[in-house]
Amino acid sequence: MSERKEKMKVFHAVPYIPARFATRWASFPDEFRLVAEVETDSLDEAFGLTQNGPAAWWLGDKVTAYVSSCRSTSVGDVFVLPNGKSYRVLDRGFVEFFGSRRG
């Protein structure tokens, strides 16, 4: 029997504003909603698991969705690890941040 990984929370900014038009980061957690949890301990894998492709990502085996449909995870969205550390998605990678501080 395989060991289940802890789940990482996926928060999307609401409303979504494409990064090229945003003048500030959305305030976390006030301007976000929890859209899913993904079974992984890797930020890169969490990002990949929350991208739309041939199939809707929220229907994936490693995903517990809290929405019936959703956009892909994008720049500015947030992953929260089981240990409580928060990471904002950047155009290339991720950065740990605290609260609403631009990071």
N, C-alpha and C. Protein backbone atom coordinates (compact mmCIF):
# COMPACT_ATOMS: atom_id res chain seq x y z
N MET A 1 0.85 -1.18 0.00
CA MET A 1 0.00 0.00 0.00
C MET A 1 0.89 1.24 0.00
N SER A 2 0.62 2.18 -0.88
CA SER A 2 1.47 3.37 -0.98
C SER A 2 1.10 4.38 0.11
N GLU A 3 2.10 5.14 0.52
CA GLU A 3 1.91 6.16 1.54
C GLU A 3 1.28 7.41 0.92
N ARG A 4 0.23 7.93 1.54
CA ARG A 4 -0.42 9.14 1.02
C ARG A 4 0.36 10.36 1.48
N LYS A 5 0.57 11.28 0.56
CA LYS A 5 1.24 12.52 0.89
C LYS A 5 0.24 13.49 1.52
N GLU A 6 0.77 14.43 2.29
CA GLU A 6 -0.10 15.47 2.83
C GLU A 6 -0.56 16.35 1.68
N LYS A 7 -1.63 17.10 1.92
CA LYS A 7 -2.19 17.92 0.86
C LYS A 7 -1.79 19.39 1.00
N MET A 8 -1.46 19.97 -0.15
CA MET A 8 -1.11 21.37 -0.26
C MET A 8 -2.36 22.13 -0.68
N LYS A 9 -2.64 23.26 -0.05
CA LYS A 9 -3.82 24.05 -0.39
C LYS A 9 -3.52 24.96 -1.58
N VAL A 10 -4.51 25.13 -2.42
CA VAL A 10 -4.39 25.97 -3.62
C VAL A 10 -5.40 27.10 -3.51
N PHE A 11 -4.89 28.34 -3.49
CA PHE A 11 -5.74 29.53 -3.40
C PHE A 11 -5.59 30.34 -4.68
N HIS A 12 -6.72 30.75 -5.25
CA HIS A 12 -6.72 31.62 -6.43
C HIS A 12 -7.20 33.01 -6.04
N ALA A 13 -6.54 34.01 -6.62
CA ALA A 13 -6.93 35.40 -6.40
C ALA A 13 -8.31 35.64 -7.00
N VAL A 14 -9.14 36.39 -6.26
CA VAL A 14 -10.49 36.73 -6.71
C VAL A 14 -10.70 38.22 -6.51
N PRO A 15 -10.98 38.99 -7.54
CA PRO A 15 -11.05 38.55 -8.92
C PRO A 15 -9.65 38.37 -9.49
N TYR A 16 -9.55 37.55 -10.51
CA TYR A 16 -8.26 37.32 -11.15
C TYR A 16 -7.93 38.50 -12.05
N ILE A 17 -6.74 39.05 -11.87
CA ILE A 17 -6.24 40.12 -12.74
C ILE A 17 -4.91 39.63 -13.30
N PRO A 18 -4.79 39.49 -14.62
CA PRO A 18 -3.52 39.03 -15.19
C PRO A 18 -2.35 39.87 -14.67
N ALA A 19 -1.24 39.22 -14.39
CA ALA A 19 -0.08 39.87 -13.78
C ALA A 19 0.37 41.12 -14.54
N ARG A 20 0.28 41.09 -15.85
CA ARG A 20 0.76 42.24 -16.62
C ARG A 20 -0.09 43.49 -16.39
N PHE A 21 -1.30 43.32 -15.85
CA PHE A 21 -2.18 44.45 -15.58
C PHE A 21 -2.27 44.81 -14.10
N ALA A 22 -1.77 43.95 -13.24
CA ALA A 22 -1.89 44.17 -11.80
C ALA A 22 -0.92 45.25 -11.32
N THR A 23 -1.37 46.10 -10.44
CA THR A 23 -0.50 47.14 -9.87
C THR A 23 -0.01 46.75 -8.48
N ARG A 24 -0.56 45.65 -7.94
CA ARG A 24 -0.14 45.14 -6.64
C ARG A 24 -0.54 43.68 -6.55
N TRP A 25 0.06 42.96 -5.59
CA TRP A 25 -0.38 41.60 -5.32
C TRP A 25 -1.72 41.65 -4.61
N ALA A 26 -2.58 40.70 -4.88
CA ALA A 26 -3.83 40.57 -4.13
C ALA A 26 -3.47 40.27 -2.67
N SER A 27 -4.26 40.77 -1.75
CA SER A 27 -4.02 40.59 -0.31
C SER A 27 -4.45 39.19 0.11
N PHE A 28 -3.50 38.45 0.66
CA PHE A 28 -3.79 37.09 1.10
C PHE A 28 -4.06 37.08 2.59
N PRO A 29 -5.11 36.46 3.06
CA PRO A 29 -6.06 35.61 2.35
C PRO A 29 -7.34 36.31 1.91
N ASP A 30 -7.46 37.62 2.22
CA ASP A 30 -8.72 38.34 1.99
C ASP A 30 -9.23 38.31 0.55
N GLU A 31 -8.33 38.40 -0.42
CA GLU A 31 -8.73 38.47 -1.82
C GLU A 31 -8.51 37.15 -2.56
N PHE A 32 -8.65 36.05 -1.83
CA PHE A 32 -8.43 34.72 -2.39
C PHE A 32 -9.55 33.79 -1.99
N ARG A 33 -9.68 32.69 -2.74
CA ARG A 33 -10.56 31.62 -2.30
C ARG A 33 -9.82 30.29 -2.45
N LEU A 34 -10.08 29.41 -1.51
CA LEU A 34 -9.51 28.06 -1.55
C LEU A 34 -10.24 27.30 -2.64
N VAL A 35 -9.51 26.88 -3.69
CA VAL A 35 -10.15 26.18 -4.80
C VAL A 35 -9.90 24.68 -4.76
N ALA A 36 -8.81 24.26 -4.09
CA ALA A 36 -8.50 22.82 -4.08
C ALA A 36 -7.39 22.52 -3.10
N GLU A 37 -7.20 21.23 -2.89
CA GLU A 37 -6.01 20.71 -2.22
C GLU A 37 -5.43 19.66 -3.14
N VAL A 38 -4.11 19.62 -3.23
CA VAL A 38 -3.44 18.65 -4.10
C VAL A 38 -2.51 17.78 -3.27
N GLU A 39 -2.47 16.52 -3.63
CA GLU A 39 -1.67 15.54 -2.90
C GLU A 39 -0.25 15.53 -3.46
N THR A 40 0.59 16.38 -2.90
CA THR A 40 1.98 16.49 -3.31
C THR A 40 2.73 17.32 -2.27
N ASP A 41 4.05 17.18 -2.26
CA ASP A 41 4.88 18.04 -1.41
C ASP A 41 5.80 18.89 -2.27
N SER A 42 5.51 18.94 -3.57
CA SER A 42 6.32 19.69 -4.53
C SER A 42 5.52 20.85 -5.12
N LEU A 43 6.07 22.06 -5.01
CA LEU A 43 5.41 23.22 -5.61
C LEU A 43 5.29 23.07 -7.12
N ASP A 44 6.34 22.57 -7.76
CA ASP A 44 6.29 22.38 -9.22
C ASP A 44 5.20 21.40 -9.61
N GLU A 45 5.08 20.30 -8.87
CA GLU A 45 4.03 19.33 -9.18
C GLU A 45 2.65 19.93 -8.91
N ALA A 46 2.50 20.68 -7.81
CA ALA A 46 1.22 21.32 -7.51
C ALA A 46 0.81 22.24 -8.65
N PHE A 47 1.77 23.00 -9.16
CA PHE A 47 1.48 23.90 -10.28
C PHE A 47 1.01 23.08 -11.49
N GLY A 48 1.75 22.03 -11.81
CA GLY A 48 1.38 21.18 -12.95
C GLY A 48 0.02 20.53 -12.79
N LEU A 49 -0.30 20.10 -11.58
CA LEU A 49 -1.58 19.45 -11.32
C LEU A 49 -2.76 20.41 -11.44
N THR A 50 -2.49 21.72 -11.39
CA THR A 50 -3.56 22.72 -11.43
C THR A 50 -3.56 23.53 -12.73
N GLN A 51 -3.11 22.88 -13.80
CA GLN A 51 -3.14 23.48 -15.14
C GLN A 51 -4.16 22.75 -15.99
N ASN A 52 -5.02 23.48 -16.68
CA ASN A 52 -5.96 22.87 -17.60
C ASN A 52 -5.23 22.39 -18.83
N GLY A 53 -5.61 21.25 -19.33
CA GLY A 53 -5.04 20.66 -20.54
C GLY A 53 -6.14 19.93 -21.25
N PRO A 54 -5.86 18.73 -21.74
CA PRO A 54 -6.92 17.95 -22.38
C PRO A 54 -8.08 17.64 -21.43
N ALA A 55 -7.76 17.56 -20.12
CA ALA A 55 -8.80 17.30 -19.11
C ALA A 55 -8.80 18.45 -18.10
N ALA A 56 -9.92 18.65 -17.46
CA ALA A 56 -10.03 19.68 -16.42
C ALA A 56 -9.19 19.26 -15.21
N TRP A 57 -8.32 20.16 -14.74
CA TRP A 57 -7.40 19.79 -13.67
C TRP A 57 -8.11 19.42 -12.39
N TRP A 58 -9.25 20.04 -12.10
CA TRP A 58 -9.94 19.80 -10.83
C TRP A 58 -10.56 18.40 -10.75
N LEU A 59 -10.48 17.64 -11.85
CA LEU A 59 -10.97 16.26 -11.86
C LEU A 59 -9.84 15.24 -11.67
N GLY A 60 -8.61 15.73 -11.45
CA GLY A 60 -7.45 14.85 -11.33
C GLY A 60 -7.47 13.96 -10.10
N ASP A 61 -6.76 12.83 -10.18
CA ASP A 61 -6.70 11.86 -9.09
C ASP A 61 -6.07 12.40 -7.82
N LYS A 62 -5.13 13.32 -7.93
CA LYS A 62 -4.44 13.85 -6.76
C LYS A 62 -5.06 15.16 -6.28
N VAL A 63 -6.24 15.48 -6.78
CA VAL A 63 -6.87 16.77 -6.49
C VAL A 63 -8.18 16.58 -5.71
N THR A 64 -8.33 17.35 -4.65
CA THR A 64 -9.62 17.48 -3.97
C THR A 64 -10.10 18.89 -4.28
N ALA A 65 -11.09 19.00 -5.16
CA ALA A 65 -11.56 20.31 -5.61
C ALA A 65 -12.69 20.82 -4.72
N TYR A 66 -12.71 22.14 -4.51
CA TYR A 66 -13.78 22.79 -3.77
C TYR A 66 -14.61 23.68 -4.68
N VAL A 67 -14.41 23.51 -5.99
CA VAL A 67 -15.15 24.25 -7.01
C VAL A 67 -15.59 23.27 -8.09
N SER A 68 -16.59 23.64 -8.86
CA SER A 68 -17.06 22.74 -9.92
C SER A 68 -16.34 22.99 -11.24
N SER A 69 -15.70 24.14 -11.37
CA SER A 69 -14.85 24.45 -12.52
C SER A 69 -13.92 25.58 -12.10
N CYS A 70 -12.81 25.70 -12.82
CA CYS A 70 -11.81 26.67 -12.37
C CYS A 70 -10.78 26.94 -13.45
N ARG A 71 -10.20 28.14 -13.41
CA ARG A 71 -9.09 28.47 -14.31
C ARG A 71 -7.82 27.77 -13.81
N SER A 72 -6.80 27.78 -14.62
CA SER A 72 -5.50 27.25 -14.21
C SER A 72 -4.87 28.16 -13.16
N THR A 73 -4.02 27.59 -12.32
CA THR A 73 -3.26 28.39 -11.37
C THR A 73 -2.32 29.29 -12.15
N SER A 74 -2.22 30.56 -11.73
CA SER A 74 -1.47 31.57 -12.48
C SER A 74 -0.61 32.41 -11.56
N VAL A 75 0.18 33.28 -12.15
CA VAL A 75 1.02 34.22 -11.41
C VAL A 75 0.16 34.98 -10.40
N GLY A 76 0.64 35.02 -9.16
CA GLY A 76 -0.06 35.72 -8.10
C GLY A 76 -0.88 34.81 -7.21
N ASP A 77 -1.21 33.61 -7.69
CA ASP A 77 -1.95 32.66 -6.87
C ASP A 77 -1.03 32.10 -5.78
N VAL A 78 -1.60 31.39 -4.82
CA VAL A 78 -0.86 30.98 -3.62
C VAL A 78 -1.04 29.50 -3.33
N PHE A 79 0.07 28.85 -2.97
CA PHE A 79 0.06 27.49 -2.44
C PHE A 79 0.43 27.58 -0.96
N VAL A 80 -0.29 26.85 -0.12
CA VAL A 80 0.03 26.78 1.31
C VAL A 80 0.37 25.33 1.64
N LEU A 81 1.59 25.12 2.13
CA LEU A 81 2.04 23.79 2.49
C LEU A 81 1.41 23.34 3.79
N PRO A 82 1.42 22.03 4.06
CA PRO A 82 0.86 21.53 5.32
C PRO A 82 1.49 22.16 6.57
N ASN A 83 2.75 22.61 6.47
CA ASN A 83 3.41 23.25 7.61
C ASN A 83 3.03 24.72 7.77
N GLY A 84 2.14 25.22 6.88
CA GLY A 84 1.66 26.60 6.98
C GLY A 84 2.44 27.61 6.17
N LYS A 85 3.57 27.23 5.58
CA LYS A 85 4.34 28.18 4.76
C LYS A 85 3.56 28.48 3.48
N SER A 86 3.55 29.76 3.09
CA SER A 86 2.82 30.21 1.91
C SER A 86 3.79 30.58 0.80
N TYR A 87 3.45 30.21 -0.42
CA TYR A 87 4.28 30.51 -1.59
C TYR A 87 3.42 31.10 -2.68
N ARG A 88 3.86 32.25 -3.18
CA ARG A 88 3.16 32.91 -4.28
C ARG A 88 3.79 32.44 -5.59
N VAL A 89 2.93 32.22 -6.59
CA VAL A 89 3.39 31.82 -7.92
C VAL A 89 3.95 33.05 -8.62
N LEU A 90 5.15 32.94 -9.14
CA LEU A 90 5.78 34.00 -9.92
C LEU A 90 5.79 33.59 -11.39
N ASP A 91 6.26 34.48 -12.27
CA ASP A 91 6.32 34.11 -13.68
C ASP A 91 7.34 33.00 -13.91
N ARG A 92 8.32 32.88 -13.02
CA ARG A 92 9.29 31.78 -13.07
C ARG A 92 9.56 31.32 -11.65
N GLY A 93 8.81 30.36 -11.19
CA GLY A 93 9.03 29.81 -9.87
C GLY A 93 8.06 30.31 -8.82
N PHE A 94 8.54 30.30 -7.58
CA PHE A 94 7.70 30.60 -6.42
C PHE A 94 8.53 31.38 -5.41
N VAL A 95 7.85 32.12 -4.55
CA VAL A 95 8.54 32.83 -3.48
C VAL A 95 7.72 32.70 -2.21
N GLU A 96 8.42 32.39 -1.11
CA GLU A 96 7.74 32.33 0.18
C GLU A 96 7.38 33.75 0.59
N PHE A 97 6.21 33.91 1.18
CA PHE A 97 5.81 35.24 1.64
C PHE A 97 5.00 35.10 2.92
N PHE A 98 4.78 36.22 3.54
CA PHE A 98 4.06 36.27 4.82
C PHE A 98 2.93 37.25 4.69
N GLY A 99 1.69 36.78 4.80
CA GLY A 99 0.54 37.67 4.70
C GLY A 99 0.44 38.31 3.34
N SER A 100 0.15 39.63 3.32
CA SER A 100 -0.07 40.32 2.07
C SER A 100 1.17 41.04 1.54
N ARG A 101 2.31 40.81 2.17
CA ARG A 101 3.56 41.45 1.72
C ARG A 101 3.87 41.05 0.29
N ARG A 102 4.22 42.02 -0.55
CA ARG A 102 4.58 41.70 -1.93
C ARG A 102 5.85 40.89 -1.92
N GLY A 103 5.81 39.73 -2.58
CA GLY A 103 6.96 38.88 -2.47
C GLY A 103 7.35 38.27 -3.71
